[in-house]
Amino acid sequence: MNLARGVALVAFDGRSGALRGGERLDLALAGAELVSLARAERIAVQRGRVIILDETPVGSTQLDVALATLRPFSEPHLLSPWLHRRALGLRGRYLGDLHEAGEVEPRGRRRFGLFGDRRSQLTATSSRRDLLLQLDSDAPADPTFAALVHLAAITRKDLRRRLAATVGNLDAEGGDRITGAAKAERVALFATRDAARRVREPQSSSDYPLDPDVQRAWDLGRSVDNGL
């Protein structure tokens, strides 16, 4: 699974038809690609450098591009510089990826009866709703994914506080006894965290409103969970 596509889906804003978020989102997407490649056992991380274990394509367009950029010219890529290079313009590429996957599509209508509306609308509403409901939990099913969403700074303030606790728990666990793909995943996540911390967060990034349909689904799901 390409975790970056999940992050992009959470970041999609139905009002603007784009991915909300700035440089932090770009970095989180790049970090999510590294985590996904580590889980697919395509890469390892040794002494701050990314080592390719297997060049076989994963089958996801953007992940395969990321894997190709990691092929060393003379020596393995340093993790942090690669994150910043890969992050440039990445949110635009993932918006295109969502279009190709059919998860968003053009609105196909005219505004004010005169001008074509070039914005996009979400078609994968249930997929996004499921992701949001998974994130809105004291124990997210995938803590690493939750941490990446938090680093992207694309959710509401109340959810961001909850996700911050998830990042703190991962930090507290440390990584001394983790090996293999899990070790590479954790190193990639923390490198993304360190890069994101150096980026000034947009003032309103932590308080984005949700699409009305998704908000209703979220509220309904929480009511059912609480037995209301």
Protein backbone atom coordinates (compact mmCIF):
# COMPACT_ATOMS: atom_id res chain seq x y z
CA MET A 1 0.00 0.00 0.00
CA ASN A 2 1.19 3.52 -0.81
CA LEU A 3 0.70 5.42 2.43
CA ALA A 4 1.33 8.69 0.61
CA ARG A 5 -1.88 8.26 -1.37
CA GLY A 6 -3.75 7.87 1.94
CA VAL A 7 -2.16 11.08 3.24
CA ALA A 8 -3.15 12.82 -0.01
CA LEU A 9 -6.72 11.58 0.32
CA VAL A 10 -6.97 12.97 3.85
CA ALA A 11 -5.51 16.27 2.57
CA PHE A 12 -8.04 16.62 -0.28
CA ASP A 13 -10.23 19.72 0.11
CA GLY A 14 -13.54 19.54 -1.71
CA ARG A 15 -14.01 23.30 -1.58
CA SER A 16 -10.85 24.16 -3.49
CA GLY A 17 -10.53 20.87 -5.36
CA ALA A 18 -6.85 20.69 -4.32
CA LEU A 19 -4.71 19.22 -1.55
CA ARG A 20 -4.63 21.55 1.41
CA GLY A 21 -1.28 21.99 3.07
CA GLY A 22 2.11 23.42 2.24
CA GLU A 23 5.70 22.29 2.46
CA ARG A 24 4.93 20.10 5.46
CA LEU A 25 2.47 18.12 3.37
CA ASP A 26 5.06 17.69 0.62
CA LEU A 27 7.58 16.36 3.16
CA ALA A 28 5.01 14.04 4.74
CA LEU A 29 4.19 12.62 1.31
CA ALA A 30 7.88 11.97 0.61
CA GLY A 31 8.29 10.39 4.04
CA ALA A 32 5.22 8.21 3.45
CA GLU A 33 6.81 6.96 0.25
CA LEU A 34 9.96 5.94 2.12
CA VAL A 35 7.90 4.14 4.77
CA SER A 36 5.91 2.34 2.06
CA LEU A 37 9.10 1.27 0.27
CA ALA A 38 10.55 0.03 3.55
CA ARG A 39 7.42 -2.02 4.22
CA ALA A 40 7.67 -3.46 0.71
CA GLU A 41 11.27 -4.43 1.54
CA ARG A 42 12.64 -2.35 -1.32
CA ILE A 43 14.91 -0.20 0.84
CA ALA A 44 16.85 -0.16 4.10
CA VAL A 45 18.42 2.75 5.95
CA GLN A 46 22.01 2.54 7.21
CA ARG A 47 23.86 5.42 8.86
CA GLY A 48 21.54 8.01 7.40
CA ARG A 49 21.72 6.64 3.85
CA VAL A 50 19.02 4.86 1.87
CA ILE A 51 20.10 1.46 0.56
CA ILE A 52 18.11 -0.22 -2.23
CA LEU A 53 17.46 -3.88 -1.47
CA ASP A 54 15.26 -4.69 -4.44
CA GLU A 55 14.69 -2.60 -7.59
CA THR A 56 11.57 -4.51 -8.63
CA PRO A 57 8.72 -2.00 -9.21
CA VAL A 58 6.06 -1.96 -6.54
CA GLY A 59 3.21 -1.35 -8.98
CA SER A 60 2.28 2.12 -7.73
CA THR A 61 3.21 4.93 -10.13
CA GLN A 62 4.57 7.42 -7.62
CA LEU A 63 6.28 4.78 -5.47
CA ASP A 64 8.04 3.39 -8.51
CA VAL A 65 9.21 6.90 -9.42
CA ALA A 66 10.48 7.39 -5.86
CA LEU A 67 12.30 4.06 -6.00
CA ALA A 68 13.93 5.05 -9.30
CA THR A 69 15.19 8.33 -7.81
CA LEU A 70 16.84 6.38 -5.00
CA ARG A 71 19.15 4.46 -7.34
CA PRO A 72 22.63 5.72 -6.43
CA PHE A 73 24.97 7.27 -8.97
CA SER A 74 28.09 6.60 -6.92
CA GLU A 75 26.92 6.01 -3.35
CA PRO A 76 23.56 5.71 -1.55
CA HIS A 77 21.48 8.86 -1.11
CA LEU A 78 21.55 10.71 2.20
CA LEU A 79 18.10 10.46 3.75
CA SER A 80 17.38 14.10 4.63
CA PRO A 81 18.51 15.70 1.32
CA TRP A 82 16.52 13.11 -0.63
CA LEU A 83 13.39 13.92 1.36
CA HIS A 84 13.67 17.61 0.47
CA ARG A 85 14.38 16.94 -3.21
CA ARG A 86 11.55 14.47 -3.57
CA ALA A 87 9.13 16.75 -1.71
CA LEU A 88 9.31 19.54 -4.29
CA GLY A 89 5.86 19.81 -5.91
CA LEU A 90 4.85 16.38 -4.64
CA ARG A 91 1.33 17.38 -3.60
CA GLY A 92 0.53 18.28 -7.22
CA ARG A 93 1.74 14.88 -8.39
CA TYR A 94 -0.43 13.13 -5.82
CA LEU A 95 -3.47 15.14 -6.83
CA GLY A 96 -2.83 13.79 -10.34
CA ASP A 97 -2.41 10.31 -8.85
CA LEU A 98 -5.83 10.57 -7.18
CA HIS A 99 -7.31 11.58 -10.53
CA GLU A 100 -5.70 8.61 -12.28
CA ALA A 101 -7.04 6.26 -9.59
CA GLY A 102 -10.54 7.68 -10.04
CA GLU A 103 -10.68 8.85 -6.42
CA VAL A 104 -11.28 12.45 -7.48
CA GLU A 105 -12.74 13.75 -10.74
CA PRO A 106 -13.54 17.08 -12.45
CA ARG A 107 -16.80 18.64 -11.33
CA GLY A 108 -17.97 18.96 -14.93
CA ARG A 109 -20.30 21.88 -14.36
CA ARG A 110 -20.41 25.60 -14.98
CA ARG A 111 -20.13 28.28 -12.34
CA PHE A 112 -22.69 31.09 -12.54
CA GLY A 113 -23.84 29.47 -15.78
CA LEU A 114 -20.90 30.99 -17.64
CA PHE A 115 -17.52 29.63 -16.62
CA GLY A 116 -16.35 26.02 -16.54
CA ASP A 117 -15.54 24.81 -13.02
CA ARG A 118 -12.08 23.26 -13.23
CA ARG A 119 -12.01 22.18 -9.62
CA SER A 120 -12.09 18.53 -8.62
CA GLN A 121 -14.52 16.65 -6.42
CA LEU A 122 -14.03 13.60 -4.27
CA THR A 123 -15.47 10.30 -5.48
CA ALA A 124 -13.83 8.04 -2.87
CA THR A 125 -15.85 9.51 0.00
CA SER A 126 -16.11 6.21 1.85
CA SER A 127 -12.35 5.60 1.61
CA ARG A 128 -11.58 9.03 3.04
CA ARG A 129 -14.22 8.66 5.73
CA ASP A 130 -12.72 5.32 6.79
CA LEU A 131 -9.25 6.88 7.02
CA LEU A 132 -10.55 9.75 9.14
CA LEU A 133 -12.41 7.41 11.46
CA GLN A 134 -9.28 5.29 11.89
CA LEU A 135 -7.29 8.40 12.76
CA ASP A 136 -9.89 9.55 15.30
CA SER A 137 -8.98 6.81 17.74
CA ASP A 138 -6.94 6.53 20.91
CA ALA A 139 -5.14 3.59 19.28
CA PRO A 140 -4.92 4.09 15.48
CA ALA A 141 -4.66 0.86 13.48
CA ASP A 142 -1.52 2.20 11.80
CA PRO A 143 0.33 4.55 14.17
CA THR A 144 2.96 5.40 11.53
CA PHE A 145 0.29 6.55 9.08
CA ALA A 146 -1.33 8.60 11.86
CA ALA A 147 2.04 10.17 12.63
CA LEU A 148 2.58 11.11 8.95
CA VAL A 149 -0.85 12.78 8.81
CA HIS A 150 0.03 14.70 11.94
CA LEU A 151 3.34 15.85 10.47
CA ALA A 152 1.51 17.09 7.35
CA ALA A 153 -0.53 19.50 9.51
CA ILE A 154 -3.76 18.93 7.56
CA THR A 155 -6.32 18.03 10.22
CA ARG A 156 -8.50 19.82 12.75
CA LYS A 157 -6.94 21.09 15.96
CA ASP A 158 -8.67 18.56 18.20
CA LEU A 159 -7.54 15.63 16.05
CA ARG A 160 -4.02 17.01 15.78
CA ARG A 161 -3.67 16.93 19.56
CA ARG A 162 -4.67 13.27 19.56
CA LEU A 163 -2.28 12.43 16.72
CA ALA A 164 0.53 14.28 18.51
CA ALA A 165 0.18 11.76 21.33
CA THR A 166 0.64 8.95 18.79
CA VAL A 167 3.91 10.50 17.62
CA GLY A 168 4.99 10.84 21.24
CA ASN A 169 4.27 7.16 21.87
CA LEU A 170 6.37 6.12 18.86
CA ASP A 171 9.15 8.37 20.12
CA ALA A 172 8.98 6.83 23.59
CA GLU A 173 9.22 3.30 22.19
CA GLY A 174 12.65 4.07 20.73
CA GLY A 175 14.18 1.87 18.07
CA ASP A 176 17.01 -0.01 19.71
CA ARG A 177 15.29 -3.40 19.51
CA ILE A 178 13.68 -2.86 16.10
CA THR A 179 15.34 -4.43 13.09
CA GLY A 180 14.82 -4.94 9.37
CA ALA A 181 11.97 -3.22 7.55
CA ALA A 182 10.48 -1.93 10.81
CA LYS A 183 13.78 -0.21 11.63
CA ALA A 184 13.92 1.47 8.20
CA GLU A 185 10.30 2.55 8.59
CA ARG A 186 10.96 4.16 11.97
CA VAL A 187 14.13 5.92 10.80
CA ALA A 188 12.30 7.29 7.73
CA LEU A 189 9.44 8.53 9.92
CA PHE A 190 11.71 10.33 12.36
CA ALA A 191 13.73 11.88 9.52
CA THR A 192 10.45 13.23 8.15
CA ARG A 193 9.51 14.55 11.57
CA ASP A 194 12.84 16.37 11.91
CA ALA A 195 12.48 17.92 8.44
CA ALA A 196 8.88 19.00 9.09
CA ARG A 197 9.82 20.66 12.37
CA ARG A 198 12.03 23.10 10.47
CA VAL A 199 9.09 24.29 8.35
CA ARG A 200 6.84 27.07 9.55
CA GLU A 201 3.31 25.78 9.78
CA PRO A 202 0.56 27.82 8.01
CA GLN A 203 -1.59 29.60 10.58
CA SER A 204 -4.80 27.93 9.55
CA SER A 205 -3.39 24.52 8.65
CA SER A 206 -4.46 22.89 11.89
CA ASP A 207 -8.09 24.03 11.63
CA TYR A 208 -9.20 23.07 8.14
CA PRO A 209 -12.93 22.39 7.85
CA LEU A 210 -13.97 19.05 6.45
CA ASP A 211 -16.21 18.56 3.44
CA PRO A 212 -19.83 18.63 4.69
CA ASP A 213 -20.55 15.03 3.59
CA VAL A 214 -17.39 13.73 5.27
CA GLN A 215 -18.15 15.75 8.42
CA ARG A 216 -21.62 14.21 8.67
CA ALA A 217 -20.17 10.72 8.16
CA TRP A 218 -17.52 11.38 10.80
CA ASP A 219 -20.09 12.64 13.31
CA LEU A 220 -22.35 9.65 12.62
CA GLY A 221 -19.48 7.22 13.10
CA ARG A 222 -18.49 8.81 16.40
CA SER A 223 -22.12 8.71 17.59
CA VAL A 224 -22.34 4.99 16.82
CA ASP A 225 -19.02 4.33 18.56
CA ASN A 226 -20.25 6.21 21.64
CA GLY A 227 -23.56 4.33 21.67
CA LEU A 228 -25.62 7.43 20.99
